[in-house]
Amino acid sequence: AGTGITHSEFNPSGSEPVHFLQIWILPEEDGVTPGYEQTLFPDEEKRKTLRLIASQDGRNGSVTVHQDVNLYAALLEQGEEIDHVVPAGRHAWLRVARGSVEVNGQRLEQGDGAAASDENRLIVTGKEKAELLLFDLA
């Protein structure tokens, strides 16, 4: 992977539980200089849309990763729908962080993930209030 980095996380609250999804993306090349970015993406930017939160080129205010991946976050209410075109030769991985959704007719609950390699379009519908991540991968 990279040339090395120290990592830790903790919950500063003594009374509130923490819920997070830890994501590690291996860099395209070995030996890259390690880096760290942290950005808050307001809920308004993720409601009923796929908000780009990580990309290889850091476009649209996303954090930069050394890999050919576009990572999106979305918040959906029950009945809301988002549509993502998967370009030819790319793959998708969808992870439901909270709630439940339907993806191209397949129901996914909190904690579920789904891979798509032969789909050119993903239609995601909130079955209840939901938070999700969509990885668009080479």
Protein backbone atom coordinates (compact mmCIF):
# COMPACT_ATOMS: atom_id res chain seq x y z
CA ALA A 1 0.00 0.00 0.00
CA GLY A 2 1.34 3.43 0.92
CA THR A 3 4.56 4.20 2.76
CA GLY A 4 2.91 4.04 6.18
CA ILE A 5 0.44 5.94 8.29
CA THR A 6 -0.71 5.85 11.90
CA HIS A 7 -4.43 5.39 12.39
CA SER A 8 -6.84 5.48 15.31
CA GLU A 9 -10.43 6.43 15.99
CA PHE A 10 -12.46 6.95 19.13
CA ASN A 11 -15.84 8.17 20.29
CA PRO A 12 -15.37 11.39 22.27
CA SER A 13 -18.86 11.08 23.80
CA GLY A 14 -19.23 9.28 27.09
CA SER A 15 -22.97 8.83 26.59
CA GLU A 16 -23.76 8.65 22.86
CA PRO A 17 -22.92 5.57 20.79
CA VAL A 18 -20.98 6.00 17.54
CA HIS A 19 -21.92 4.42 14.21
CA PHE A 20 -19.44 4.57 11.36
CA LEU A 21 -18.28 2.58 8.38
CA GLN A 22 -14.53 2.30 8.00
CA ILE A 23 -13.38 2.14 4.38
CA TRP A 24 -9.87 1.25 3.23
CA ILE A 25 -9.05 1.69 -0.46
CA LEU A 26 -5.70 0.34 -1.64
CA PRO A 27 -3.73 2.79 -3.79
CA GLU A 28 -3.09 2.08 -7.47
CA GLU A 29 0.67 2.08 -6.90
CA ASP A 30 2.86 0.96 -4.01
CA GLY A 31 4.95 3.52 -2.16
CA VAL A 32 2.75 6.59 -2.59
CA THR A 33 3.14 9.34 -0.03
CA PRO A 34 0.44 8.87 2.61
CA GLY A 35 -2.17 11.55 2.99
CA TYR A 36 -5.17 12.30 5.13
CA GLU A 37 -8.27 14.32 4.37
CA GLN A 38 -11.43 14.80 6.36
CA THR A 39 -14.44 16.66 5.01
CA LEU A 40 -17.97 17.17 6.26
CA PHE A 41 -20.57 16.72 3.54
CA PRO A 42 -23.81 18.33 4.75
CA ASP A 43 -26.98 16.24 4.55
CA GLU A 44 -28.51 18.81 2.18
CA GLU A 45 -25.88 17.85 -0.41
CA LYS A 46 -26.77 14.14 -0.18
CA ARG A 47 -30.58 14.26 -0.08
CA LYS A 48 -32.13 12.42 -3.02
CA THR A 49 -28.87 12.64 -4.96
CA LEU A 50 -25.52 10.91 -5.25
CA ARG A 51 -22.98 13.32 -3.75
CA LEU A 52 -19.41 12.60 -4.86
CA ILE A 53 -17.37 12.31 -1.64
CA ALA A 54 -14.12 10.66 -2.88
CA SER A 55 -12.42 10.52 -6.28
CA GLN A 56 -9.02 10.16 -7.91
CA ASP A 57 -8.88 13.83 -8.87
CA GLY A 58 -10.64 15.42 -5.88
CA ARG A 59 -13.23 17.09 -8.09
CA ASN A 60 -16.35 18.82 -6.76
CA GLY A 61 -14.85 19.10 -3.28
CA SER A 62 -14.43 15.34 -2.84
CA VAL A 63 -11.49 13.89 -0.94
CA THR A 64 -8.67 12.51 -3.10
CA VAL A 65 -7.82 8.80 -3.26
CA HIS A 66 -5.01 7.18 -5.24
CA GLN A 67 -7.32 4.78 -7.06
CA ASP A 68 -9.75 4.80 -9.99
CA VAL A 69 -12.86 4.99 -7.84
CA ASN A 70 -15.72 7.43 -7.47
CA LEU A 71 -17.42 7.13 -4.09
CA TYR A 72 -20.87 8.65 -3.65
CA ALA A 73 -23.10 9.12 -0.59
CA ALA A 74 -26.87 9.55 -0.64
CA LEU A 75 -29.79 10.01 1.74
CA LEU A 76 -33.22 8.80 0.66
CA GLU A 77 -36.66 9.02 2.20
CA GLN A 78 -39.22 6.28 1.63
CA GLY A 79 -40.27 6.28 -2.04
CA GLU A 80 -37.46 8.54 -3.25
CA GLU A 81 -35.37 7.28 -6.15
CA ILE A 82 -31.91 7.90 -7.57
CA ASP A 83 -30.53 6.64 -10.86
CA HIS A 84 -26.85 5.88 -11.55
CA VAL A 85 -25.45 4.97 -14.95
CA VAL A 86 -22.60 2.45 -14.71
CA PRO A 87 -20.28 3.18 -17.65
CA ALA A 88 -19.11 0.25 -19.80
CA GLY A 89 -16.17 -1.57 -18.26
CA ARG A 90 -16.87 -0.30 -14.73
CA HIS A 91 -18.40 -1.99 -11.72
CA ALA A 92 -20.47 -0.81 -8.78
CA TRP A 93 -20.71 -1.73 -5.11
CA LEU A 94 -23.58 -0.37 -3.07
CA ARG A 95 -23.54 -0.45 0.74
CA VAL A 96 -26.57 0.38 2.88
CA ALA A 97 -25.37 2.18 6.01
CA ARG A 98 -28.86 2.76 7.47
CA GLY A 99 -32.42 1.92 6.55
CA SER A 100 -33.43 -0.13 3.53
CA VAL A 101 -33.50 0.33 -0.22
CA GLU A 102 -34.39 -1.55 -3.36
CA VAL A 103 -31.74 -1.73 -6.11
CA ASN A 104 -32.99 -2.87 -9.52
CA GLY A 105 -35.72 -4.85 -7.76
CA GLN A 106 -33.48 -6.37 -5.04
CA ARG A 107 -34.21 -5.38 -1.42
CA LEU A 108 -31.22 -4.45 0.75
CA GLU A 109 -31.30 -3.76 4.48
CA GLN A 110 -28.93 -1.91 6.80
CA GLY A 111 -25.48 -3.50 6.57
CA ASP A 112 -26.18 -5.20 3.23
CA GLY A 113 -24.07 -4.68 0.14
CA ALA A 114 -24.54 -5.52 -3.51
CA ALA A 115 -22.07 -5.83 -6.38
CA ALA A 116 -23.01 -4.99 -9.96
CA SER A 117 -20.74 -5.86 -12.87
CA ASP A 118 -23.19 -6.55 -15.66
CA GLU A 119 -25.63 -3.70 -15.03
CA ASN A 120 -25.46 -0.47 -17.00
CA ARG A 121 -27.86 1.34 -14.70
CA LEU A 122 -28.72 1.19 -11.01
CA ILE A 123 -32.09 2.45 -9.82
CA VAL A 124 -32.10 2.82 -6.04
CA THR A 125 -35.40 3.39 -4.24
CA GLY A 126 -35.76 4.15 -0.53
CA LYS A 127 -38.01 1.55 1.12
CA GLU A 128 -37.65 3.52 4.35
CA LYS A 129 -35.40 6.40 5.35
CA ALA A 130 -31.93 5.29 4.18
CA GLU A 131 -28.28 6.27 3.96
CA LEU A 132 -26.07 4.58 1.38
CA LEU A 133 -22.68 4.58 -0.28
CA LEU A 134 -22.12 3.78 -3.94
CA PHE A 135 -18.65 2.83 -5.18
CA ASP A 136 -18.12 3.25 -8.95
CA LEU A 137 -15.02 1.11 -9.62
CA ALA A 138 -12.66 0.37 -12.52
